[in-house]
């Protein structure tokens, strides 16, 4: 039987121009890894939107996904909030189980 370990999955959607500040804060908080993916389209409180046809990074969104130790989650969120307090962004934190705890 494979043993699993409880961690936290952090997902952050942020405007592309704020990405460097956000990853700096994650690094400062001791986050050991993350994945960044483009956000192509969606629907929110103001309706449907798409990144299609946008020139440059203005208006583009990216998602940063990371797995963090539960004991570090509050400190990481504090650092994330220091960037997102003035930006468009969505942050979710959920429970997740991993099989290689030493990676997080």
PDB file of N, CA and C in Angstrom:
ATOM      1  N   UNK A   1       0.842  -1.182   0.000  1.00  0.00           N
ATOM      2  CA  UNK A   1       0.000   0.000   0.000  1.00  0.00           C
ATOM      3  C   UNK A   1       0.891   1.252   0.000  1.00  0.00           C
ATOM      4  N   UNK A   2       0.528   2.215  -0.800  1.00  0.00           N
ATOM      5  CA  UNK A   2       1.262   3.474  -0.890  1.00  0.00           C
ATOM      6  C   UNK A   2       0.780   4.414   0.212  1.00  0.00           C
ATOM      7  N   UNK A   3       1.714   5.000   0.923  1.00  0.00           N
ATOM      8  CA  UNK A   3       1.391   5.952   1.988  1.00  0.00           C
ATOM      9  C   UNK A   3       1.286   7.343   1.367  1.00  0.00           C
ATOM     10  N   UNK A   4       0.243   8.077   1.752  1.00  0.00           N
ATOM     11  CA  UNK A   4       0.088   9.448   1.271  1.00  0.00           C
ATOM     12  C   UNK A   4       0.271  10.428   2.429  1.00  0.00           C
ATOM     13  N   UNK A   5       0.582  11.683   2.056  1.00  0.00           N
ATOM     14  CA  UNK A   5       0.850  12.730   3.036  1.00  0.00           C
ATOM     15  C   UNK A   5      -0.005  13.940   2.693  1.00  0.00           C
ATOM     16  N   UNK A   6      -0.648  14.507   3.704  1.00  0.00           N
ATOM     17  CA  UNK A   6      -1.525  15.651   3.501  1.00  0.00           C
ATOM     18  C   UNK A   6      -0.711  16.930   3.299  1.00  0.00           C
ATOM     19  N   UNK A   7      -0.994  17.626   2.225  1.00  0.00           N
ATOM     20  CA  UNK A   7      -0.377  18.913   1.912  1.00  0.00           C
ATOM     21  C   UNK A   7      -1.481  19.868   1.470  1.00  0.00           C
ATOM     22  N   UNK A   8      -1.108  21.056   1.062  1.00  0.00           N
ATOM     23  CA  UNK A   8      -2.046  22.060   0.562  1.00  0.00           C
ATOM     24  C   UNK A   8      -1.711  22.386  -0.890  1.00  0.00           C
ATOM     25  N   UNK A   9      -2.731  22.434  -1.725  1.00  0.00           N
ATOM     26  CA  UNK A   9      -2.561  22.845  -3.117  1.00  0.00           C
ATOM     27  C   UNK A   9      -2.974  24.310  -3.209  1.00  0.00           C
ATOM     28  N   UNK A  10      -2.054  25.121  -3.660  1.00  0.00           N
ATOM     29  CA  UNK A  10      -2.262  26.557  -3.801  1.00  0.00           C
ATOM     30  C   UNK A  10      -2.398  26.876  -5.281  1.00  0.00           C
ATOM     31  N   UNK A  11      -3.506  27.500  -5.663  1.00  0.00           N
ATOM     32  CA  UNK A  11      -3.713  27.927  -7.042  1.00  0.00           C
ATOM     33  C   UNK A  11      -3.954  29.430  -7.036  1.00  0.00           C
ATOM     34  N   UNK A  12      -3.198  30.131  -7.857  1.00  0.00           N
ATOM     35  CA  UNK A  12      -3.293  31.584  -7.911  1.00  0.00           C
ATOM     36  C   UNK A  12      -3.462  32.000  -9.369  1.00  0.00           C
ATOM     37  N   UNK A  13      -4.510  32.737  -9.656  1.00  0.00           N
ATOM     38  CA  UNK A  13      -4.679  33.334 -10.977  1.00  0.00           C
ATOM     39  C   UNK A  13      -4.375  34.812 -10.813  1.00  0.00           C
ATOM     40  N   UNK A  14      -3.442  35.311 -11.631  1.00  0.00           N
ATOM     41  CA  UNK A  14      -2.988  36.686 -11.495  1.00  0.00           C
ATOM     42  C   UNK A  14      -2.682  37.253 -12.871  1.00  0.00           C
ATOM     43  N   UNK A  15      -2.705  38.567 -12.979  1.00  0.00           N
ATOM     44  CA  UNK A  15      -2.326  39.223 -14.227  1.00  0.00           C
ATOM     45  C   UNK A  15      -0.851  38.980 -14.497  1.00  0.00           C
ATOM     46  N   UNK A  16      -0.517  38.707 -15.752  1.00  0.00           N
ATOM     47  CA  UNK A  16       0.860  38.375 -16.132  1.00  0.00           C
ATOM     48  C   UNK A  16       1.888  39.416 -15.682  1.00  0.00           C
ATOM     49  N   UNK A  17       1.595  40.724 -15.747  1.00  0.00           N
ATOM     50  CA  UNK A  17       2.613  41.687 -15.296  1.00  0.00           C
ATOM     51  C   UNK A  17       2.992  41.555 -13.818  1.00  0.00           C
ATOM     52  N   UNK A  18       2.151  40.935 -12.997  1.00  0.00           N
ATOM     53  CA  UNK A  18       2.451  40.762 -11.570  1.00  0.00           C
ATOM     54  C   UNK A  18       3.142  39.432 -11.275  1.00  0.00           C
ATOM     55  N   UNK A  19       3.350  38.612 -12.289  1.00  0.00           N
ATOM     56  CA  UNK A  19       3.884  37.268 -12.078  1.00  0.00           C
ATOM     57  C   UNK A  19       5.257  37.289 -11.410  1.00  0.00           C
ATOM     58  N   UNK A  20       6.154  38.127 -11.854  1.00  0.00           N
ATOM     59  CA  UNK A  20       7.505  38.158 -11.284  1.00  0.00           C
ATOM     60  C   UNK A  20       7.463  38.519  -9.798  1.00  0.00           C
ATOM     61  N   UNK A  21       6.657  39.509  -9.430  1.00  0.00           N
ATOM     62  CA  UNK A  21       6.535  39.874  -8.001  1.00  0.00           C
ATOM     63  C   UNK A  21       5.971  38.705  -7.202  1.00  0.00           C
ATOM     64  N   UNK A  22       4.986  38.010  -7.780  1.00  0.00           N
ATOM     65  CA  UNK A  22       4.369  36.882  -7.085  1.00  0.00           C
ATOM     66  C   UNK A  22       5.375  35.753  -6.881  1.00  0.00           C
ATOM     67  N   UNK A  23       6.103  35.379  -7.920  1.00  0.00           N
ATOM     68  CA  UNK A  23       7.069  34.286  -7.768  1.00  0.00           C
ATOM     69  C   UNK A  23       8.205  34.677  -6.825  1.00  0.00           C
ATOM     70  N   UNK A  24       8.583  35.944  -6.800  1.00  0.00           N
ATOM     71  CA  UNK A  24       9.570  36.399  -5.809  1.00  0.00           C
ATOM     72  C   UNK A  24       9.061  36.142  -4.397  1.00  0.00           C
ATOM     73  N   UNK A  25       7.798  36.472  -4.132  1.00  0.00           N
ATOM     74  CA  UNK A  25       7.223  36.263  -2.794  1.00  0.00           C
ATOM     75  C   UNK A  25       7.137  34.777  -2.460  1.00  0.00           C
ATOM     76  N   UNK A  26       6.776  33.946  -3.440  1.00  0.00           N
ATOM     77  CA  UNK A  26       6.727  32.507  -3.189  1.00  0.00           C
ATOM     78  C   UNK A  26       8.121  31.986  -2.835  1.00  0.00           C
ATOM     79  N   UNK A  27       9.125  32.430  -3.575  1.00  0.00           N
ATOM     80  CA  UNK A  27      10.503  32.020  -3.293  1.00  0.00           C
ATOM     81  C   UNK A  27      10.923  32.466  -1.896  1.00  0.00           C
ATOM     82  N   UNK A  28      10.588  33.715  -1.520  1.00  0.00           N
ATOM     83  CA  UNK A  28      10.932  34.236  -0.195  1.00  0.00           C
ATOM     84  C   UNK A  28      10.247  33.447   0.916  1.00  0.00           C
ATOM     85  N   UNK A  29       9.060  32.915   0.633  1.00  0.00           N
ATOM     86  CA  UNK A  29       8.310  32.152   1.627  1.00  0.00           C
ATOM     87  C   UNK A  29       8.780  30.704   1.728  1.00  0.00           C
ATOM     88  N   UNK A  30       9.765  30.335   0.916  1.00  0.00           N
ATOM     89  CA  UNK A  30      10.302  28.987   0.988  1.00  0.00           C
ATOM     90  C   UNK A  30       9.549  27.956   0.167  1.00  0.00           C
ATOM     91  N   UNK A  31       8.712  28.403  -0.762  1.00  0.00           N
ATOM     92  CA  UNK A  31       8.018  27.468  -1.647  1.00  0.00           C
ATOM     93  C   UNK A  31       9.067  26.828  -2.549  1.00  0.00           C
ATOM     94  N   UNK A  32       9.093  25.504  -2.571  1.00  0.00           N
ATOM     95  CA  UNK A  32      10.161  24.803  -3.279  1.00  0.00           C
ATOM     96  C   UNK A  32       9.869  24.551  -4.750  1.00  0.00           C
ATOM     97  N   UNK A  33       8.647  24.770  -5.189  1.00  0.00           N
ATOM     98  CA  UNK A  33       8.332  24.562  -6.596  1.00  0.00           C
ATOM     99  C   UNK A  33       6.949  25.059  -6.939  1.00  0.00           C
ATOM    100  N   UNK A  34       6.776  25.369  -8.200  1.00  0.00           N
ATOM    101  CA  UNK A  34       5.467  25.784  -8.709  1.00  0.00           C
ATOM    102  C   UNK A  34       5.457  25.620 -10.213  1.00  0.00           C
ATOM    103  N   UNK A  35       4.274  25.577 -10.764  1.00  0.00           N
ATOM    104  CA  UNK A  35       4.070  25.475 -12.200  1.00  0.00           C
ATOM    105  C   UNK A  35       3.246  26.663 -12.636  1.00  0.00           C
ATOM    106  N   UNK A  36       3.603  27.243 -13.775  1.00  0.00           N
ATOM    107  CA  UNK A  36       2.895  28.408 -14.298  1.00  0.00           C
ATOM    108  C   UNK A  36       2.286  28.021 -15.640  1.00  0.00           C
ATOM    109  N   UNK A  37       0.990  28.255 -15.778  1.00  0.00           N
ATOM    110  CA  UNK A  37       0.291  27.941 -17.025  1.00  0.00           C
ATOM    111  C   UNK A  37      -0.513  29.155 -17.471  1.00  0.00           C
ATOM    112  N   UNK A  38      -0.653  29.350 -18.786  1.00  0.00           N
ATOM    113  CA  UNK A  38      -1.457  30.468 -19.270  1.00  0.00           C
ATOM    114  C   UNK A  38      -2.944  30.203 -19.032  1.00  0.00           C
ATOM    115  N   UNK A  39      -3.670  31.260 -18.756  1.00  0.00           N
ATOM    116  CA  UNK A  39      -5.124  31.186 -18.642  1.00  0.00           C
ATOM    117  C   UNK A  39      -5.668  31.767 -19.944  1.00  0.00           C
ATOM    118  N   UNK A  40      -6.359  30.959 -20.724  1.00  0.00           N
ATOM    119  CA  UNK A  40      -6.755  31.347 -22.067  1.00  0.00           C
ATOM    120  C   UNK A  40      -8.118  32.011 -22.155  1.00  0.00           C
ATOM    121  N   UNK A  41      -9.032  31.590 -21.315  1.00  0.00           N
ATOM    122  CA  UNK A  41     -10.392  32.131 -21.380  1.00  0.00           C
ATOM    123  C   UNK A  41     -11.131  31.724 -20.122  1.00  0.00           C
ATOM    124  N   UNK A  42     -12.287  32.327 -19.903  1.00  0.00           N
ATOM    125  CA  UNK A  42     -13.084  31.965 -18.738  1.00  0.00           C
ATOM    126  C   UNK A  42     -14.366  32.770 -18.654  1.00  0.00           C
ATOM    127  N   UNK A  43     -14.984  32.622 -17.523  1.00  0.00           N
ATOM    128  CA  UNK A  43     -16.206  33.367 -17.237  1.00  0.00           C
ATOM    129  C   UNK A  43     -16.153  33.766 -15.783  1.00  0.00           C
ATOM    130  N   UNK A  44     -16.450  35.030 -15.524  1.00  0.00           N
ATOM    131  CA  UNK A  44     -16.438  35.535 -14.161  1.00  0.00           C
ATOM    132  C   UNK A  44     -17.636  36.417 -13.904  1.00  0.00           C
ATOM    133  N   UNK A  45     -17.550  37.219 -12.866  1.00  0.00           N
ATOM    134  CA  UNK A  45     -18.674  38.065 -12.466  1.00  0.00           C
ATOM    135  C   UNK A  45     -19.053  39.087 -13.527  1.00  0.00           C
ATOM    136  N   UNK A  46     -18.118  39.415 -14.399  1.00  0.00           N
ATOM    137  CA  UNK A  46     -18.401  40.384 -15.456  1.00  0.00           C
ATOM    138  C   UNK A  46     -18.646  39.723 -16.809  1.00  0.00           C
ATOM    139  N   UNK A  47     -18.835  38.403 -16.813  1.00  0.00           N
ATOM    140  CA  UNK A  47     -19.154  37.689 -18.042  1.00  0.00           C
ATOM    141  C   UNK A  47     -17.986  36.909 -18.602  1.00  0.00           C
ATOM    142  N   UNK A  48     -18.160  36.464 -19.845  1.00  0.00           N
ATOM    143  CA  UNK A  48     -17.170  35.663 -20.538  1.00  0.00           C
ATOM    144  C   UNK A  48     -16.044  36.545 -21.054  1.00  0.00           C
ATOM    145  N   UNK A  49     -14.825  36.013 -21.033  1.00  0.00           N
ATOM    146  CA  UNK A  49     -13.675  36.755 -21.540  1.00  0.00           C
ATOM    147  C   UNK A  49     -12.712  35.787 -22.217  1.00  0.00           C
ATOM    148  N   UNK A  50     -11.823  36.328 -23.023  1.00  0.00           N
ATOM    149  CA  UNK A  50     -10.826  35.527 -23.713  1.00  0.00           C
ATOM    150  C   UNK A  50      -9.552  36.349 -23.879  1.00  0.00           C
ATOM    151  N   UNK A  51      -8.413  35.679 -23.815  1.00  0.00           N
ATOM    152  CA  UNK A  51      -7.131  36.341 -24.030  1.00  0.00           C
ATOM    153  C   UNK A  51      -6.804  36.449 -25.521  1.00  0.00           C
ATOM    154  N   UNK A  52      -7.628  35.852 -26.345  1.00  0.00           N
ATOM    155  CA  UNK A  52      -7.384  35.873 -27.783  1.00  0.00           C
ATOM    156  C   UNK A  52      -7.346  37.309 -28.305  1.00  0.00           C
ATOM    157  N   UNK A  53      -6.321  37.607 -29.061  1.00  0.00           N
ATOM    158  CA  UNK A  53      -6.191  38.924 -29.664  1.00  0.00           C
ATOM    159  C   UNK A  53      -5.523  39.974 -28.796  1.00  0.00           C
ATOM    160  N   UNK A  54      -5.168  39.636 -27.565  1.00  0.00           N
ATOM    161  CA  UNK A  54      -4.489  40.602 -26.705  1.00  0.00           C
ATOM    162  C   UNK A  54      -3.047  40.759 -27.153  1.00  0.00           C
ATOM    163  N   UNK A  55      -2.574  41.979 -27.175  1.00  0.00           N
ATOM    164  CA  UNK A  55      -1.177  42.245 -27.519  1.00  0.00           C
ATOM    165  C   UNK A  55      -0.393  42.502 -26.235  1.00  0.00           C
ATOM    166  N   UNK A  56       0.715  41.831 -26.058  1.00  0.00           N
ATOM    167  CA  UNK A  56       1.519  42.019 -24.862  1.00  0.00           C
ATOM    168  C   UNK A  56       0.912  41.322 -23.658  1.00  0.00           C
ATOM    169  N   UNK A  57       1.487  41.606 -22.479  1.00  0.00           N
ATOM    170  CA  UNK A  57       1.039  40.955 -21.248  1.00  0.00           C
ATOM    171  C   UNK A  57      -0.155  41.639 -20.591  1.00  0.00           C
ATOM    172  N   UNK A  58      -0.404  42.903 -20.922  1.00  0.00           N
ATOM    173  CA  UNK A  58      -1.511  43.623 -20.286  1.00  0.00           C
ATOM    174  C   UNK A  58      -2.819  42.881 -20.554  1.00  0.00           C
ATOM    175  N   UNK A  59      -3.533  42.564 -19.507  1.00  0.00           N
ATOM    176  CA  UNK A  59      -4.802  41.862 -19.628  1.00  0.00           C
ATOM    177  C   UNK A  59      -4.681  40.354 -19.658  1.00  0.00           C
ATOM    178  N   UNK A  60      -3.487  39.824 -19.818  1.00  0.00           N
ATOM    179  CA  UNK A  60      -3.295  38.375 -19.825  1.00  0.00           C
ATOM    180  C   UNK A  60      -3.244  37.861 -18.388  1.00  0.00           C
ATOM    181  N   UNK A  61      -3.748  36.648 -18.207  1.00  0.00           N
ATOM    182  CA  UNK A  61      -3.739  36.015 -16.892  1.00  0.00           C
ATOM    183  C   UNK A  61      -2.920  34.741 -16.947  1.00  0.00           C
ATOM    184  N   UNK A  62      -2.316  34.397 -15.821  1.00  0.00           N
ATOM    185  CA  UNK A  62      -1.595  33.138 -15.665  1.00  0.00           C
ATOM    186  C   UNK A  62      -2.045  32.490 -14.369  1.00  0.00           C
ATOM    187  N   UNK A  63      -1.878  31.166 -14.312  1.00  0.00           N
ATOM    188  CA  UNK A  63      -2.173  30.438 -13.082  1.00  0.00           C
ATOM    189  C   UNK A  63      -0.878  29.846 -12.550  1.00  0.00           C
ATOM    190  N   UNK A  64      -0.642  30.061 -11.273  1.00  0.00           N
ATOM    191  CA  UNK A  64       0.502  29.484 -10.585  1.00  0.00           C
ATOM    192  C   UNK A  64      -0.042  28.400  -9.661  1.00  0.00           C
ATOM    193  N   UNK A  65       0.485  27.200  -9.816  1.00  0.00           N
ATOM    194  CA  UNK A  65       0.036  26.051  -9.024  1.00  0.00           C
ATOM    195  C   UNK A  65       1.218  25.552  -8.205  1.00  0.00           C
ATOM    196  N   UNK A  66       0.980  25.349  -6.913  1.00  0.00           N
ATOM    197  CA  UNK A  66       2.045  24.866  -6.045  1.00  0.00           C
ATOM    198  C   UNK A  66       1.461  23.960  -4.971  1.00  0.00           C
ATOM    199  N   UNK A  67       2.272  23.044  -4.503  1.00  0.00           N
ATOM    200  CA  UNK A  67       1.929  22.204  -3.356  1.00  0.00           C
ATOM    201  C   UNK A  67       2.824  22.665  -2.208  1.00  0.00           C
ATOM    202  N   UNK A  68       2.218  22.985  -1.076  1.00  0.00           N
ATOM    203  CA  UNK A  68       2.989  23.472   0.066  1.00  0.00           C
ATOM    204  C   UNK A  68       2.648  22.673   1.314  1.00  0.00           C
ATOM    205  N   UNK A  69       3.565  22.650   2.233  1.00  0.00           N
ATOM    206  CA  UNK A  69       3.332  22.014   3.520  1.00  0.00           C
ATOM    207  C   UNK A  69       2.271  22.808   4.271  1.00  0.00           C
ATOM    208  N   UNK A  70       1.374  22.118   4.910  1.00  0.00           N
ATOM    209  CA  UNK A  70       0.282  22.783   5.635  1.00  0.00           C
ATOM    210  C   UNK A  70       0.802  23.758   6.685  1.00  0.00           C
ATOM    211  N   UNK A  71       1.917  23.443   7.305  1.00  0.00           N
ATOM    212  CA  UNK A  71       2.488  24.315   8.334  1.00  0.00           C
ATOM    213  C   UNK A  71       2.970  25.639   7.754  1.00  0.00           C
ATOM    214  N   UNK A  72       3.289  25.681   6.465  1.00  0.00           N
ATOM    215  CA  UNK A  72       3.769  26.901   5.814  1.00  0.00           C
ATOM    216  C   UNK A  72       2.660  27.697   5.135  1.00  0.00           C
ATOM    217  N   UNK A  73       1.472  27.118   5.014  1.00  0.00           N
ATOM    218  CA  UNK A  73       0.421  27.704   4.183  1.00  0.00           C
ATOM    219  C   UNK A  73       0.066  29.137   4.585  1.00  0.00           C
ATOM    220  N   UNK A  74      -0.112  29.416   5.857  1.00  0.00           N
ATOM    221  CA  UNK A  74      -0.488  30.769   6.282  1.00  0.00           C
ATOM    222  C   UNK A  74       0.585  31.792   5.929  1.00  0.00           C
ATOM    223  N   UNK A  75       1.843  31.440   6.137  1.00  0.00           N
ATOM    224  CA  UNK A  75       2.941  32.354   5.809  1.00  0.00           C
ATOM    225  C   UNK A  75       3.006  32.602   4.304  1.00  0.00           C
ATOM    226  N   UNK A  76       2.780  31.567   3.514  1.00  0.00           N
ATOM    227  CA  UNK A  76       2.775  31.721   2.057  1.00  0.00           C
ATOM    228  C   UNK A  76       1.628  32.624   1.630  1.00  0.00           C
ATOM    229  N   UNK A  77       0.452  32.416   2.199  1.00  0.00           N
ATOM    230  CA  UNK A  77      -0.706  33.248   1.848  1.00  0.00           C
ATOM    231  C   UNK A  77      -0.472  34.715   2.189  1.00  0.00           C
ATOM    232  N   UNK A  78       0.200  34.993   3.298  1.00  0.00           N
ATOM    233  CA  UNK A  78       0.525  36.379   3.655  1.00  0.00           C
ATOM    234  C   UNK A  78       1.370  37.033   2.567  1.00  0.00           C
ATOM    235  N   UNK A  79       2.364  36.309   2.083  1.00  0.00           N
ATOM    236  CA  UNK A  79       3.230  36.837   1.018  1.00  0.00           C
ATOM    237  C   UNK A  79       2.448  37.022  -0.278  1.00  0.00           C
ATOM    238  N   UNK A  80       1.601  36.063  -0.606  1.00  0.00           N
ATOM    239  CA  UNK A  80       0.776  36.158  -1.821  1.00  0.00           C
ATOM    240  C   UNK A  80      -0.138  37.370  -1.737  1.00  0.00           C
ATOM    241  N   UNK A  81      -0.758  37.561  -0.576  1.00  0.00           N
ATOM    242  CA  UNK A  81      -1.672  38.690  -0.417  1.00  0.00           C
ATOM    243  C   UNK A  81      -0.952  40.024  -0.590  1.00  0.00           C
ATOM    244  N   UNK A  82       0.314  40.085  -0.210  1.00  0.00           N
ATOM    245  CA  UNK A  82       1.050  41.341  -0.359  1.00  0.00           C
ATOM    246  C   UNK A  82       1.155  41.762  -1.821  1.00  0.00           C
ATOM    247  N   UNK A  83       1.052  40.830  -2.742  1.00  0.00           N
ATOM    248  CA  UNK A  83       1.043  41.144  -4.177  1.00  0.00           C
ATOM    249  C   UNK A  83      -0.386  41.362  -4.667  1.00  0.00           C
ATOM    250  N   UNK A  84      -1.292  40.489  -4.287  1.00  0.00           N
ATOM    251  CA  UNK A  84      -2.642  40.509  -4.848  1.00  0.00           C
ATOM    252  C   UNK A  84      -3.557  41.559  -4.244  1.00  0.00           C
ATOM    253  N   UNK A  85      -3.157  42.178  -3.158  1.00  0.00           N
ATOM    254  CA  UNK A  85      -4.004  43.202  -2.544  1.00  0.00           C
ATOM    255  C   UNK A  85      -4.305  44.337  -3.518  1.00  0.00           C
ATOM    256  N   UNK A  86      -3.401  44.550  -4.482  1.00  0.00           N
ATOM    257  CA  UNK A  86      -3.568  45.646  -5.444  1.00  0.00           C
ATOM    258  C   UNK A  86      -3.746  45.148  -6.875  1.00  0.00           C
ATOM    259  N   UNK A  87      -3.978  43.862  -7.059  1.00  0.00           N
ATOM    260  CA  UNK A  87      -4.062  43.257  -8.386  1.00  0.00           C
ATOM    261  C   UNK A  87      -5.359  42.482  -8.545  1.00  0.00           C
ATOM    262  N   UNK A  88      -5.713  42.229  -9.782  1.00  0.00           N
ATOM    263  CA  UNK A  88      -6.763  41.265 -10.057  1.00  0.00           C
ATOM    264  C   UNK A  88      -6.177  39.893  -9.745  1.00  0.00           C
ATOM    265  N   UNK A  89      -6.902  39.079  -9.028  1.00  0.00           N
ATOM    266  CA  UNK A  89      -6.377  37.754  -8.730  1.00  0.00           C
ATOM    267  C   UNK A  89      -7.364  36.907  -7.958  1.00  0.00           C
ATOM    268  N   UNK A  90      -7.189  35.611  -8.095  1.00  0.00           N
ATOM    269  CA  UNK A  90      -8.000  34.633  -7.371  1.00  0.00           C
ATOM    270  C   UNK A  90      -7.033  33.656  -6.722  1.00  0.00           C
ATOM    271  N   UNK A  91      -7.266  33.348  -5.458  1.00  0.00           N
ATOM    272  CA  UNK A  91      -6.422  32.411  -4.726  1.00  0.00           C
ATOM    273  C   UNK A  91      -7.308  31.334  -4.123  1.00  0.00           C
ATOM    274  N   UNK A  92      -6.930  30.078  -4.352  1.00  0.00           N
ATOM    275  CA  UNK A  92      -7.611  28.969  -3.688  1.00  0.00           C
ATOM    276  C   UNK A  92      -6.574  28.106  -2.990  1.00  0.00           C
ATOM    277  N   UNK A  93      -6.980  27.533  -1.889  1.00  0.00           N
ATOM    278  CA  UNK A  93      -6.124  26.646  -1.110  1.00  0.00           C
ATOM    279  C   UNK A  93      -6.973  25.432  -0.756  1.00  0.00           C
ATOM    280  N   UNK A  94      -6.501  24.254  -1.126  1.00  0.00           N
ATOM    281  CA  UNK A  94      -7.282  23.046  -0.865  1.00  0.00           C
ATOM    282  C   UNK A  94      -6.375  21.929  -0.358  1.00  0.00           C
ATOM    283  N   UNK A  95      -6.996  20.956   0.301  1.00  0.00           N
ATOM    284  CA  UNK A  95      -6.262  19.797   0.781  1.00  0.00           C
ATOM    285  C   UNK A  95      -5.941  18.880  -0.393  1.00  0.00           C
ATOM    286  N   UNK A  96      -4.754  18.293  -0.353  1.00  0.00           N
ATOM    287  CA  UNK A  96      -4.329  17.357  -1.377  1.00  0.00           C
ATOM    288  C   UNK A  96      -3.428  16.321  -0.709  1.00  0.00           C
ATOM    289  N   UNK A  97      -3.394  15.137  -1.263  1.00  0.00           N
ATOM    290  CA  UNK A  97      -2.510  14.110  -0.740  1.00  0.00           C
ATOM    291  C   UNK A  97      -1.437  13.814  -1.784  1.00  0.00           C
ATOM    292  N   UNK A  98      -0.208  13.697  -1.304  1.00  0.00           N
ATOM    293  CA  UNK A  98       0.924  13.399  -2.185  1.00  0.00           C
ATOM    294  C   UNK A  98       1.606  12.125  -1.704  1.00  0.00           C
ATOM    295  N   UNK A  99       2.351  11.502  -2.601  1.00  0.00           N
ATOM    296  CA  UNK A  99       3.043  10.273  -2.191  1.00  0.00           C
ATOM    297  C   UNK A  99       4.521  10.510  -1.911  1.00  0.00           C
ATOM    298  N   UNK A 100       5.032  11.681  -2.281  1.00  0.00           N
ATOM    299  CA  UNK A 100       6.440  12.005  -2.050  1.00  0.00           C
ATOM    300  C   UNK A 100       6.528  13.281  -1.215  1.00  0.00           C
ATOM    301  N   UNK A 101       6.331  13.167   0.078  1.00  0.00           N
ATOM    302  CA  UNK A 101       6.278  14.319   0.974  1.00  0.00           C
ATOM    303  C   UNK A 101       7.558  15.119   0.991  1.00  0.00           C
ATOM    304  N   UNK A 102       8.699  14.485   0.731  1.00  0.00           N
ATOM    305  CA  UNK A 102       9.985  15.172   0.805  1.00  0.00           C
ATOM    306  C   UNK A 102      10.160  16.224  -0.300  1.00  0.00           C
ATOM    307  N   UNK A 103       9.291  16.240  -1.290  1.00  0.00           N
ATOM    308  CA  UNK A 103       9.385  17.219  -2.373  1.00  0.00           C
ATOM    309  C   UNK A 103       8.721  18.562  -2.027  1.00  0.00           C
ATOM    310  N   UNK A 104       8.032  18.623  -0.909  1.00  0.00           N
ATOM    311  CA  UNK A 104       7.255  19.828  -0.594  1.00  0.00           C
ATOM    312  C   UNK A 104       7.624  20.359   0.764  1.00  0.00           C
TER     313      UNK A 104
END
